[in-house]
Amino acid sequence: MSRHLVITADDLGRDEATDATISSLAADGLITATSLIVVSPRAASALGPIRDVGLAPGLHATLSSEQGIAPWRPLSAAPGLTTDQGHLSTDPHQAVAAATAQEVITELEAQLTWMHDHGARPRVLDSHAGTLYGIHGRSFLTAALGWCAAHALALRLPRDPGPFLAAEPHLAAAHRAAVELADQLAVPLPATIC
């Protein structure tokens, strides 16, 4: 088995400064991957320069907003994912607290459709904020892995939980089960993330 080093600049579409930095890194050949936040109003404008340098962004599974910038709205009608104002919560503990697995998958489907509609064909689903993993509460990994398998997407869940789950020992069994399921479903996972 061959191994590859992937250098990812996350959060394409987050804000103008992030987009400019990622575009510059991509143009200089200093990164090999990025993930696009398609619920951001900047997503379409951020996609162009990345595509121009031949980089195909992954899909950033965005189920929460970030603090310090205007909150994002989901692309699907998913009441379990939204605040009373219709935005994705900025609190990772609240982001998926009321969501069903079907709402999460429906939102992921809407985000993937957005990418396809904009001519992008991601090969990986990225969820480093932990909302799919269960780091902040409920896990949607089983549903997400099935969805990734159905769309032939890798999942950016490290096989080696190392620095990400070491502080969360109660997640160790869930992580092992998710890695086993990924292997059963032939969903590629990275060996580690550093």
N, C-alpha and C. Protein backbone atom coordinates (compact mmCIF):
# COMPACT_ATOMS: atom_id res chain seq x y z
N MET A 1 0.84 -1.18 0.00
CA MET A 1 0.00 0.00 0.00
C MET A 1 0.88 1.24 0.00
N SER A 2 0.58 2.18 -0.87
CA SER A 2 1.34 3.42 -0.90
C SER A 2 0.71 4.42 0.07
N ARG A 3 1.54 5.32 0.56
CA ARG A 3 1.06 6.36 1.47
C ARG A 3 1.37 7.71 0.86
N HIS A 4 0.50 8.68 1.12
CA HIS A 4 0.66 10.03 0.59
C HIS A 4 0.50 11.03 1.71
N LEU A 5 1.25 12.10 1.61
CA LEU A 5 1.09 13.22 2.53
C LEU A 5 0.14 14.22 1.88
N VAL A 6 -0.94 14.53 2.57
CA VAL A 6 -1.91 15.50 2.08
C VAL A 6 -1.80 16.74 2.96
N ILE A 7 -1.55 17.88 2.34
CA ILE A 7 -1.47 19.14 3.08
C ILE A 7 -2.74 19.92 2.77
N THR A 8 -3.62 20.00 3.77
CA THR A 8 -4.94 20.59 3.59
C THR A 8 -5.04 21.97 4.21
N ALA A 9 -5.57 22.91 3.46
CA ALA A 9 -5.93 24.24 3.98
C ALA A 9 -7.45 24.25 4.09
N ASP A 10 -7.93 24.16 5.31
CA ASP A 10 -9.36 24.04 5.54
C ASP A 10 -10.09 25.37 5.44
N ASP A 11 -11.41 25.25 5.34
CA ASP A 11 -12.35 26.37 5.49
C ASP A 11 -12.38 27.34 4.33
N LEU A 12 -12.16 26.86 3.11
CA LEU A 12 -12.33 27.71 1.94
C LEU A 12 -13.77 28.22 1.91
N GLY A 13 -13.93 29.51 1.70
CA GLY A 13 -15.25 30.13 1.71
C GLY A 13 -15.59 30.80 3.02
N ARG A 14 -14.79 30.60 4.05
CA ARG A 14 -15.11 31.15 5.38
C ARG A 14 -15.16 32.67 5.38
N ASP A 15 -14.12 33.30 4.85
CA ASP A 15 -14.05 34.75 4.79
C ASP A 15 -13.04 35.16 3.73
N GLU A 16 -13.00 36.42 3.41
CA GLU A 16 -12.15 36.91 2.32
C GLU A 16 -10.67 36.63 2.57
N ALA A 17 -10.20 36.87 3.79
CA ALA A 17 -8.78 36.66 4.09
C ALA A 17 -8.39 35.19 3.99
N THR A 18 -9.24 34.32 4.50
CA THR A 18 -8.98 32.88 4.41
C THR A 18 -8.92 32.44 2.96
N ASP A 19 -9.89 32.90 2.17
CA ASP A 19 -9.93 32.54 0.75
C ASP A 19 -8.68 33.00 0.02
N ALA A 20 -8.24 34.23 0.29
CA ALA A 20 -7.04 34.75 -0.37
C ALA A 20 -5.81 33.93 0.00
N THR A 21 -5.70 33.58 1.27
CA THR A 21 -4.56 32.79 1.73
C THR A 21 -4.56 31.41 1.08
N ILE A 22 -5.71 30.74 1.08
CA ILE A 22 -5.79 29.40 0.50
C ILE A 22 -5.51 29.45 -1.00
N SER A 23 -6.06 30.45 -1.69
CA SER A 23 -5.81 30.59 -3.13
C SER A 23 -4.33 30.80 -3.41
N SER A 24 -3.67 31.61 -2.60
CA SER A 24 -2.25 31.87 -2.78
C SER A 24 -1.42 30.60 -2.53
N LEU A 25 -1.75 29.88 -1.46
CA LEU A 25 -1.04 28.64 -1.17
C LEU A 25 -1.23 27.63 -2.29
N ALA A 26 -2.45 27.54 -2.81
CA ALA A 26 -2.72 26.61 -3.91
C ALA A 26 -1.95 27.01 -5.17
N ALA A 27 -1.95 28.30 -5.49
CA ALA A 27 -1.25 28.78 -6.68
C ALA A 27 0.25 28.52 -6.60
N ASP A 28 0.79 28.57 -5.38
CA ASP A 28 2.22 28.33 -5.18
C ASP A 28 2.55 26.85 -5.01
N GLY A 29 1.53 25.98 -5.08
CA GLY A 29 1.75 24.55 -4.94
C GLY A 29 2.10 24.11 -3.54
N LEU A 30 1.73 24.91 -2.54
CA LEU A 30 2.11 24.61 -1.16
C LEU A 30 1.06 23.78 -0.40
N ILE A 31 -0.11 23.57 -1.01
CA ILE A 31 -1.12 22.70 -0.42
C ILE A 31 -1.56 21.69 -1.49
N THR A 32 -2.10 20.58 -1.03
CA THR A 32 -2.60 19.58 -1.97
C THR A 32 -4.10 19.38 -1.85
N ALA A 33 -4.73 20.02 -0.85
CA ALA A 33 -6.16 19.85 -0.64
C ALA A 33 -6.74 21.05 0.08
N THR A 34 -8.04 21.22 -0.07
CA THR A 34 -8.80 22.20 0.69
C THR A 34 -10.22 21.67 0.82
N SER A 35 -10.98 22.27 1.71
CA SER A 35 -12.39 21.88 1.87
C SER A 35 -13.24 23.14 1.81
N LEU A 36 -14.35 23.05 1.08
CA LEU A 36 -15.19 24.22 0.81
C LEU A 36 -16.41 24.23 1.70
N ILE A 37 -16.65 25.37 2.34
CA ILE A 37 -17.85 25.61 3.15
C ILE A 37 -18.92 26.15 2.21
N VAL A 38 -19.77 25.28 1.69
CA VAL A 38 -20.71 25.70 0.65
C VAL A 38 -21.88 26.51 1.19
N VAL A 39 -22.13 26.50 2.50
CA VAL A 39 -23.22 27.31 3.05
C VAL A 39 -22.83 28.78 3.19
N SER A 40 -21.57 29.07 2.98
CA SER A 40 -21.09 30.45 3.06
C SER A 40 -21.48 31.23 1.81
N PRO A 41 -21.86 32.49 1.97
CA PRO A 41 -22.17 33.30 0.78
C PRO A 41 -20.94 33.52 -0.11
N ARG A 42 -19.75 33.22 0.38
CA ARG A 42 -18.51 33.38 -0.39
C ARG A 42 -18.14 32.12 -1.17
N ALA A 43 -18.88 31.04 -1.01
CA ALA A 43 -18.49 29.75 -1.57
C ALA A 43 -18.24 29.80 -3.07
N ALA A 44 -19.16 30.38 -3.83
CA ALA A 44 -19.01 30.39 -5.30
C ALA A 44 -17.78 31.18 -5.73
N SER A 45 -17.56 32.34 -5.10
CA SER A 45 -16.40 33.15 -5.50
C SER A 45 -15.09 32.51 -5.05
N ALA A 46 -15.12 31.74 -3.96
CA ALA A 46 -13.91 31.08 -3.48
C ALA A 46 -13.55 29.88 -4.35
N LEU A 47 -14.55 29.26 -4.96
CA LEU A 47 -14.32 28.06 -5.74
C LEU A 47 -13.53 28.33 -7.03
N GLY A 48 -13.81 29.43 -7.69
CA GLY A 48 -13.17 29.74 -8.97
C GLY A 48 -11.66 29.71 -8.96
N PRO A 49 -11.00 30.49 -8.10
CA PRO A 49 -9.54 30.51 -8.11
C PRO A 49 -8.92 29.16 -7.77
N ILE A 50 -9.58 28.38 -6.94
CA ILE A 50 -9.06 27.05 -6.58
C ILE A 50 -9.14 26.12 -7.79
N ARG A 51 -10.26 26.19 -8.47
CA ARG A 51 -10.41 25.36 -9.67
C ARG A 51 -9.41 25.77 -10.74
N ASP A 52 -9.13 27.09 -10.83
CA ASP A 52 -8.20 27.59 -11.85
C ASP A 52 -6.80 27.02 -11.71
N VAL A 53 -6.40 26.66 -10.47
CA VAL A 53 -5.07 26.07 -10.27
C VAL A 53 -5.12 24.54 -10.23
N GLY A 54 -6.29 23.98 -10.55
CA GLY A 54 -6.42 22.54 -10.68
C GLY A 54 -6.64 21.78 -9.39
N LEU A 55 -7.06 22.47 -8.34
CA LEU A 55 -7.32 21.81 -7.07
C LEU A 55 -8.82 21.57 -6.94
N ALA A 56 -9.21 20.33 -6.67
CA ALA A 56 -10.63 19.99 -6.49
C ALA A 56 -10.92 19.96 -4.99
N PRO A 57 -11.68 20.92 -4.49
CA PRO A 57 -11.91 20.95 -3.04
C PRO A 57 -12.80 19.82 -2.57
N GLY A 58 -12.57 19.42 -1.33
CA GLY A 58 -13.47 18.50 -0.67
C GLY A 58 -14.68 19.25 -0.14
N LEU A 59 -15.66 18.50 0.31
CA LEU A 59 -16.86 19.10 0.90
C LEU A 59 -16.66 19.20 2.40
N HIS A 60 -16.73 20.42 2.91
CA HIS A 60 -16.65 20.66 4.34
C HIS A 60 -18.06 20.47 4.90
N ALA A 61 -18.30 19.40 5.64
CA ALA A 61 -19.62 19.16 6.23
C ALA A 61 -19.89 20.26 7.24
N THR A 62 -20.72 21.22 6.87
CA THR A 62 -20.94 22.38 7.71
C THR A 62 -22.31 22.27 8.36
N LEU A 63 -22.30 21.94 9.65
CA LEU A 63 -23.53 21.78 10.41
C LEU A 63 -23.62 22.81 11.53
N SER A 64 -22.63 23.69 11.60
CA SER A 64 -22.63 24.76 12.59
C SER A 64 -22.00 26.00 11.97
N SER A 65 -22.32 27.16 12.56
CA SER A 65 -21.70 28.42 12.14
C SER A 65 -20.46 28.66 13.00
N GLU A 66 -19.69 29.65 12.61
CA GLU A 66 -18.51 30.00 13.38
C GLU A 66 -18.73 31.33 14.08
N GLN A 67 -18.12 31.47 15.24
CA GLN A 67 -18.23 32.72 15.97
C GLN A 67 -17.37 33.78 15.29
N GLY A 68 -17.79 35.02 15.40
CA GLY A 68 -17.00 36.13 14.88
C GLY A 68 -17.34 36.53 13.45
N ILE A 69 -18.19 35.76 12.77
CA ILE A 69 -18.63 36.11 11.42
C ILE A 69 -20.15 35.90 11.35
N ALA A 70 -20.76 36.42 10.30
CA ALA A 70 -22.21 36.28 10.15
C ALA A 70 -22.58 34.79 10.10
N PRO A 71 -23.63 34.40 10.83
CA PRO A 71 -23.99 32.97 10.85
C PRO A 71 -24.50 32.50 9.49
N TRP A 72 -24.29 31.21 9.24
CA TRP A 72 -24.70 30.61 7.99
C TRP A 72 -26.06 29.94 8.14
N ARG A 73 -26.71 29.73 7.02
CA ARG A 73 -27.99 29.01 6.98
C ARG A 73 -27.76 27.66 6.29
N PRO A 74 -28.50 26.64 6.72
CA PRO A 74 -28.38 25.36 6.02
C PRO A 74 -28.97 25.47 4.62
N LEU A 75 -28.61 24.56 3.75
CA LEU A 75 -29.14 24.55 2.39
C LEU A 75 -30.43 23.74 2.29
N SER A 76 -30.74 22.99 3.34
CA SER A 76 -31.96 22.18 3.37
C SER A 76 -32.91 22.74 4.43
N ALA A 77 -34.12 22.26 4.40
CA ALA A 77 -35.09 22.61 5.44
C ALA A 77 -34.89 21.62 6.58
N ALA A 78 -34.00 21.96 7.50
CA ALA A 78 -33.64 21.06 8.59
C ALA A 78 -33.84 21.77 9.92
N PRO A 79 -35.06 21.75 10.46
CA PRO A 79 -35.30 22.50 11.69
C PRO A 79 -34.44 22.06 12.87
N GLY A 80 -34.03 20.80 12.89
CA GLY A 80 -33.19 20.33 13.98
C GLY A 80 -31.77 20.88 13.94
N LEU A 81 -31.39 21.48 12.83
CA LEU A 81 -30.04 22.05 12.69
C LEU A 81 -30.00 23.56 12.90
N THR A 82 -31.17 24.19 13.03
CA THR A 82 -31.19 25.66 13.04
C THR A 82 -31.63 26.25 14.37
N THR A 83 -31.22 27.48 14.57
CA THR A 83 -31.68 28.27 15.71
C THR A 83 -33.06 28.83 15.38
N ASP A 84 -33.64 29.54 16.31
CA ASP A 84 -34.95 30.17 16.06
C ASP A 84 -34.89 31.18 14.92
N GLN A 85 -33.71 31.71 14.64
CA GLN A 85 -33.54 32.68 13.55
C GLN A 85 -33.28 31.99 12.21
N GLY A 86 -33.21 30.67 12.19
CA GLY A 86 -32.99 29.94 10.94
C GLY A 86 -31.53 29.75 10.57
N HIS A 87 -30.62 30.07 11.49
CA HIS A 87 -29.19 29.93 11.23
C HIS A 87 -28.67 28.63 11.84
N LEU A 88 -27.50 28.21 11.39
CA LEU A 88 -26.78 27.13 12.04
C LEU A 88 -26.16 27.69 13.32
N SER A 89 -26.29 26.98 14.41
CA SER A 89 -25.80 27.46 15.70
C SER A 89 -24.28 27.63 15.70
N THR A 90 -23.81 28.60 16.47
CA THR A 90 -22.36 28.78 16.65
C THR A 90 -21.85 27.94 17.80
N ASP A 91 -22.73 27.36 18.58
CA ASP A 91 -22.36 26.53 19.72
C ASP A 91 -22.28 25.07 19.27
N PRO A 92 -21.08 24.47 19.24
CA PRO A 92 -20.97 23.10 18.73
C PRO A 92 -21.80 22.10 19.54
N HIS A 93 -22.03 22.37 20.82
CA HIS A 93 -22.85 21.47 21.63
C HIS A 93 -24.33 21.56 21.24
N GLN A 94 -24.75 22.71 20.77
CA GLN A 94 -26.15 22.90 20.36
C GLN A 94 -26.37 22.60 18.89
N ALA A 95 -25.31 22.59 18.10
CA ALA A 95 -25.42 22.51 16.63
C ALA A 95 -26.24 21.32 16.17
N VAL A 96 -26.02 20.17 16.74
CA VAL A 96 -26.74 18.97 16.29
C VAL A 96 -27.55 18.35 17.42
N ALA A 97 -27.74 19.06 18.52
CA ALA A 97 -28.43 18.50 19.68
C ALA A 97 -29.85 18.06 19.35
N ALA A 98 -30.55 18.79 18.48
CA ALA A 98 -31.94 18.46 18.15
C ALA A 98 -32.09 17.82 16.78
N ALA A 99 -30.98 17.64 16.07
CA ALA A 99 -31.04 17.12 14.70
C ALA A 99 -31.24 15.60 14.70
N THR A 100 -31.92 15.14 13.67
CA THR A 100 -32.00 13.70 13.44
C THR A 100 -30.92 13.31 12.44
N ALA A 101 -30.62 12.02 12.39
CA ALA A 101 -29.64 11.56 11.41
C ALA A 101 -30.12 11.87 10.00
N GLN A 102 -31.43 11.76 9.77
CA GLN A 102 -31.95 12.05 8.44
C GLN A 102 -31.77 13.52 8.08
N GLU A 103 -31.94 14.43 9.04
CA GLU A 103 -31.71 15.85 8.77
C GLU A 103 -30.24 16.11 8.42
N VAL A 104 -29.34 15.46 9.13
CA VAL A 104 -27.92 15.63 8.85
C VAL A 104 -27.61 15.13 7.43
N ILE A 105 -28.12 13.96 7.08
CA ILE A 105 -27.86 13.41 5.75
C ILE A 105 -28.52 14.27 4.67
N THR A 106 -29.71 14.76 4.93
CA THR A 106 -30.39 15.65 3.96
C THR A 106 -29.57 16.91 3.73
N GLU A 107 -29.00 17.47 4.80
CA GLU A 107 -28.17 18.66 4.65
C GLU A 107 -26.88 18.34 3.90
N LEU A 108 -26.25 17.22 4.21
CA LEU A 108 -25.05 16.83 3.47
C LEU A 108 -25.36 16.64 1.99
N GLU A 109 -26.50 16.05 1.70
CA GLU A 109 -26.93 15.85 0.31
C GLU A 109 -27.10 17.20 -0.39
N ALA A 110 -27.72 18.16 0.30
CA ALA A 110 -27.91 19.50 -0.29
C ALA A 110 -26.56 20.18 -0.53
N GLN A 111 -25.62 20.00 0.39
CA GLN A 111 -24.31 20.61 0.22
C GLN A 111 -23.54 19.96 -0.94
N LEU A 112 -23.64 18.65 -1.06
CA LEU A 112 -22.98 17.97 -2.18
C LEU A 112 -23.63 18.38 -3.51
N THR A 113 -24.94 18.49 -3.52
CA THR A 113 -25.64 18.93 -4.73
C THR A 113 -25.18 20.33 -5.14
N TRP A 114 -24.99 21.22 -4.17
CA TRP A 114 -24.49 22.57 -4.46
C TRP A 114 -23.15 22.45 -5.19
N MET A 115 -22.27 21.61 -4.68
CA MET A 115 -20.96 21.46 -5.33
C MET A 115 -21.11 20.94 -6.75
N HIS A 116 -21.92 19.92 -6.93
CA HIS A 116 -22.14 19.38 -8.27
C HIS A 116 -22.72 20.43 -9.21
N ASP A 117 -23.69 21.21 -8.69
CA ASP A 117 -24.31 22.26 -9.50
C ASP A 117 -23.30 23.33 -9.91
N HIS A 118 -22.22 23.47 -9.14
CA HIS A 118 -21.18 24.45 -9.44
C HIS A 118 -19.96 23.82 -10.11
N GLY A 119 -20.14 22.60 -10.61
CA GLY A 119 -19.09 21.95 -11.38
C GLY A 119 -17.97 21.34 -10.57
N ALA A 120 -18.16 21.18 -9.27
CA ALA A 120 -17.12 20.60 -8.41
C ALA A 120 -17.49 19.16 -8.08
N ARG A 121 -16.50 18.30 -8.09
CA ARG A 121 -16.70 16.88 -7.78
C ARG A 121 -15.77 16.50 -6.62
N PRO A 122 -16.21 16.72 -5.40
CA PRO A 122 -15.34 16.41 -4.27
C PRO A 122 -15.11 14.90 -4.15
N ARG A 123 -13.96 14.56 -3.60
CA ARG A 123 -13.63 13.15 -3.35
C ARG A 123 -13.58 12.83 -1.87
N VAL A 124 -13.74 13.87 -1.03
CA VAL A 124 -13.64 13.66 0.41
C VAL A 124 -14.64 14.55 1.14
N LEU A 125 -15.16 14.01 2.24
CA LEU A 125 -16.00 14.77 3.16
C LEU A 125 -15.15 15.09 4.38
N ASP A 126 -15.11 16.36 4.74
CA ASP A 126 -14.30 16.83 5.86
C ASP A 126 -15.23 17.30 6.97
N SER A 127 -14.96 16.86 8.17
CA SER A 127 -15.77 17.29 9.32
C SER A 127 -14.89 17.52 10.53
N HIS A 128 -13.86 18.30 10.36
CA HIS A 128 -12.92 18.46 11.46
C HIS A 128 -13.47 19.22 12.65
N ALA A 129 -14.64 19.88 12.51
CA ALA A 129 -15.25 20.57 13.66
C ALA A 129 -15.80 19.57 14.67
N GLY A 130 -15.94 18.30 14.26
CA GLY A 130 -16.34 17.27 15.19
C GLY A 130 -17.83 17.04 15.31
N THR A 131 -18.65 17.79 14.57
CA THR A 131 -20.09 17.63 14.71
C THR A 131 -20.58 16.27 14.22
N LEU A 132 -19.93 15.68 13.24
CA LEU A 132 -20.30 14.33 12.81
C LEU A 132 -19.73 13.27 13.74
N TYR A 133 -18.57 13.54 14.31
CA TYR A 133 -17.85 12.54 15.10
C TYR A 133 -18.47 12.28 16.47
N GLY A 134 -19.21 13.24 17.01
CA GLY A 134 -19.75 13.09 18.35
C GLY A 134 -18.87 13.70 19.42
N ILE A 135 -17.90 14.49 19.04
CA ILE A 135 -17.01 15.11 20.01
C ILE A 135 -17.79 16.06 20.93
N HIS A 136 -18.83 16.68 20.40
CA HIS A 136 -19.62 17.65 21.17
C HIS A 136 -20.98 17.10 21.57
N GLY A 137 -21.16 15.81 21.53
CA GLY A 137 -22.45 15.23 21.89
C GLY A 137 -22.75 13.99 21.06
N ARG A 138 -23.84 14.00 20.33
CA ARG A 138 -24.27 12.84 19.56
C ARG A 138 -23.40 12.63 18.32
N SER A 139 -23.18 11.37 17.98
CA SER A 139 -22.40 11.02 16.80
C SER A 139 -23.32 10.67 15.64
N PHE A 140 -22.93 11.13 14.45
CA PHE A 140 -23.64 10.79 13.22
C PHE A 140 -22.72 10.02 12.27
N LEU A 141 -21.69 9.40 12.84
CA LEU A 141 -20.70 8.72 12.01
C LEU A 141 -21.27 7.56 11.22
N THR A 142 -22.13 6.76 11.82
CA THR A 142 -22.69 5.62 11.10
C THR A 142 -23.45 6.09 9.86
N ALA A 143 -24.31 7.09 10.04
CA ALA A 143 -25.06 7.63 8.91
C ALA A 143 -24.13 8.28 7.90
N ALA A 144 -23.15 9.03 8.38
CA ALA A 144 -22.23 9.73 7.47
C ALA A 144 -21.38 8.73 6.67
N LEU A 145 -20.95 7.65 7.31
CA LEU A 145 -20.16 6.65 6.59
C LEU A 145 -20.98 5.96 5.51
N GLY A 146 -22.24 5.66 5.81
CA GLY A 146 -23.11 5.08 4.79
C GLY A 146 -23.31 6.03 3.63
N TRP A 147 -23.46 7.33 3.95
CA TRP A 147 -23.64 8.35 2.92
C TRP A 147 -22.36 8.49 2.08
N CYS A 148 -21.21 8.50 2.74
CA CYS A 148 -19.94 8.58 2.01
C CYS A 148 -19.79 7.39 1.07
N ALA A 149 -20.13 6.20 1.55
CA ALA A 149 -20.03 5.00 0.71
C ALA A 149 -20.93 5.13 -0.51
N ALA A 150 -22.14 5.65 -0.32
CA ALA A 150 -23.09 5.79 -1.43
C ALA A 150 -22.60 6.78 -2.48
N HIS A 151 -21.76 7.75 -2.06
CA HIS A 151 -21.26 8.77 -2.98
C HIS A 151 -19.78 8.60 -3.32
N ALA A 152 -19.19 7.48 -2.92
CA ALA A 152 -17.77 7.20 -3.18
C ALA A 152 -16.86 8.31 -2.67
N LEU A 153 -17.13 8.77 -1.45
CA LEU A 153 -16.32 9.81 -0.82
C LEU A 153 -15.48 9.22 0.31
N ALA A 154 -14.27 9.69 0.43
CA ALA A 154 -13.47 9.40 1.61
C ALA A 154 -13.99 10.27 2.75
N LEU A 155 -13.66 9.92 3.98
CA LEU A 155 -14.04 10.73 5.14
C LEU A 155 -12.78 11.10 5.89
N ARG A 156 -12.65 12.36 6.22
CA ARG A 156 -11.46 12.83 6.93
C ARG A 156 -11.61 12.54 8.44
N LEU A 157 -11.69 11.26 8.74
CA LEU A 157 -11.68 10.75 10.11
C LEU A 157 -10.39 9.95 10.25
N PRO A 158 -9.49 10.35 11.15
CA PRO A 158 -8.21 9.64 11.23
C PRO A 158 -8.36 8.24 11.80
N ARG A 159 -7.66 7.28 11.19
CA ARG A 159 -7.63 5.92 11.75
C ARG A 159 -6.99 5.94 13.14
N ASP A 160 -5.94 6.71 13.27
CA ASP A 160 -5.26 6.88 14.56
C ASP A 160 -5.90 8.08 15.24
N PRO A 161 -6.63 7.85 16.34
CA PRO A 161 -7.33 8.98 16.98
C PRO A 161 -6.38 9.99 17.60
N GLY A 162 -5.16 9.56 17.89
CA GLY A 162 -4.10 10.42 18.40
C GLY A 162 -4.54 11.67 19.12
N PRO A 163 -4.11 12.82 18.61
CA PRO A 163 -4.34 14.08 19.33
C PRO A 163 -5.82 14.49 19.37
N PHE A 164 -6.65 13.97 18.48
CA PHE A 164 -8.03 14.43 18.42
C PHE A 164 -8.93 13.79 19.47
N LEU A 165 -8.76 12.51 19.71
CA LEU A 165 -9.65 11.82 20.62
C LEU A 165 -8.95 11.37 21.90
N ALA A 166 -7.66 11.61 22.01
CA ALA A 166 -6.92 11.17 23.20
C ALA A 166 -7.52 11.79 24.47
N ALA A 167 -8.01 13.00 24.37
CA ALA A 167 -8.59 13.68 25.53
C ALA A 167 -10.04 13.26 25.76
N GLU A 168 -10.58 12.41 24.90
CA GLU A 168 -11.98 11.98 25.00
C GLU A 168 -12.05 10.45 25.06
N PRO A 169 -11.62 9.83 26.18
CA PRO A 169 -11.55 8.37 26.23
C PRO A 169 -12.90 7.69 26.01
N HIS A 170 -14.00 8.34 26.34
CA HIS A 170 -15.32 7.74 26.13
C HIS A 170 -15.66 7.58 24.64
N LEU A 171 -14.89 8.23 23.78
CA LEU A 171 -15.13 8.11 22.35
C LEU A 171 -14.29 7.01 21.70
N ALA A 172 -13.40 6.39 22.45
CA ALA A 172 -12.48 5.40 21.88
C ALA A 172 -13.22 4.23 21.24
N ALA A 173 -14.20 3.68 21.92
CA ALA A 173 -14.95 2.54 21.37
C ALA A 173 -15.73 2.96 20.13
N ALA A 174 -16.33 4.13 20.17
CA ALA A 174 -17.09 4.63 19.01
C ALA A 174 -16.16 4.85 17.82
N HIS A 175 -14.96 5.33 18.10
CA HIS A 175 -14.00 5.55 17.02
C HIS A 175 -13.59 4.22 16.38
N ARG A 176 -13.28 3.23 17.22
CA ARG A 176 -12.91 1.91 16.70
C ARG A 176 -14.03 1.33 15.83
N ALA A 177 -15.27 1.47 16.31
CA ALA A 177 -16.41 0.95 15.54
C ALA A 177 -16.56 1.68 14.22
N ALA A 178 -16.31 2.98 14.22
CA ALA A 178 -16.43 3.77 12.99
C ALA A 178 -15.36 3.36 11.98
N VAL A 179 -14.14 3.12 12.45
CA VAL A 179 -13.06 2.69 11.55
C VAL A 179 -13.40 1.32 10.96
N GLU A 180 -13.91 0.42 11.79
CA GLU A 180 -14.31 -0.90 11.29
C GLU A 180 -15.42 -0.78 10.24
N LEU A 181 -16.41 0.08 10.51
CA LEU A 181 -17.51 0.27 9.56
C LEU A 181 -16.99 0.88 8.25
N ALA A 182 -16.08 1.85 8.37
CA ALA A 182 -15.50 2.46 7.16
C ALA A 182 -14.83 1.39 6.31
N ASP A 183 -14.11 0.49 6.95
CA ASP A 183 -13.45 -0.58 6.20
C ASP A 183 -14.47 -1.51 5.55
N GLN A 184 -15.54 -1.84 6.26
CA GLN A 184 -16.59 -2.69 5.69
C GLN A 184 -17.25 -2.03 4.48
N LEU A 185 -17.42 -0.71 4.55
CA LEU A 185 -18.10 0.03 3.48
C LEU A 185 -17.13 0.53 2.42
N ALA A 186 -15.83 0.25 2.58
CA ALA A 186 -14.79 0.71 1.65
C ALA A 186 -14.73 2.23 1.55
N VAL A 187 -14.91 2.90 2.69
CA VAL A 187 -14.77 4.36 2.76
C VAL A 187 -13.33 4.65 3.18
N PRO A 188 -12.53 5.25 2.31
CA PRO A 188 -11.14 5.55 2.67
C PRO A 188 -11.04 6.55 3.83
N LEU A 189 -10.10 6.28 4.72
CA LEU A 189 -9.81 7.16 5.86
C LEU A 189 -8.31 7.46 5.86
N PRO A 190 -7.91 8.65 6.30
CA PRO A 190 -6.48 8.92 6.43
C PRO A 190 -5.90 8.15 7.62
N ALA A 191 -4.63 7.81 7.54
CA ALA A 191 -3.97 7.10 8.64
C ALA A 191 -3.96 7.96 9.89
N THR A 192 -3.64 9.24 9.72
CA THR A 192 -3.59 10.15 10.85
C THR A 192 -3.79 11.57 10.35
N ILE A 193 -4.07 12.46 11.25
CA ILE A 193 -4.16 13.89 10.95
C ILE A 193 -3.30 14.61 11.99
N CYS A 194 -2.39 15.46 11.51
CA CYS A 194 -1.56 16.20 12.46
C CYS A 194 -1.63 17.68 12.19
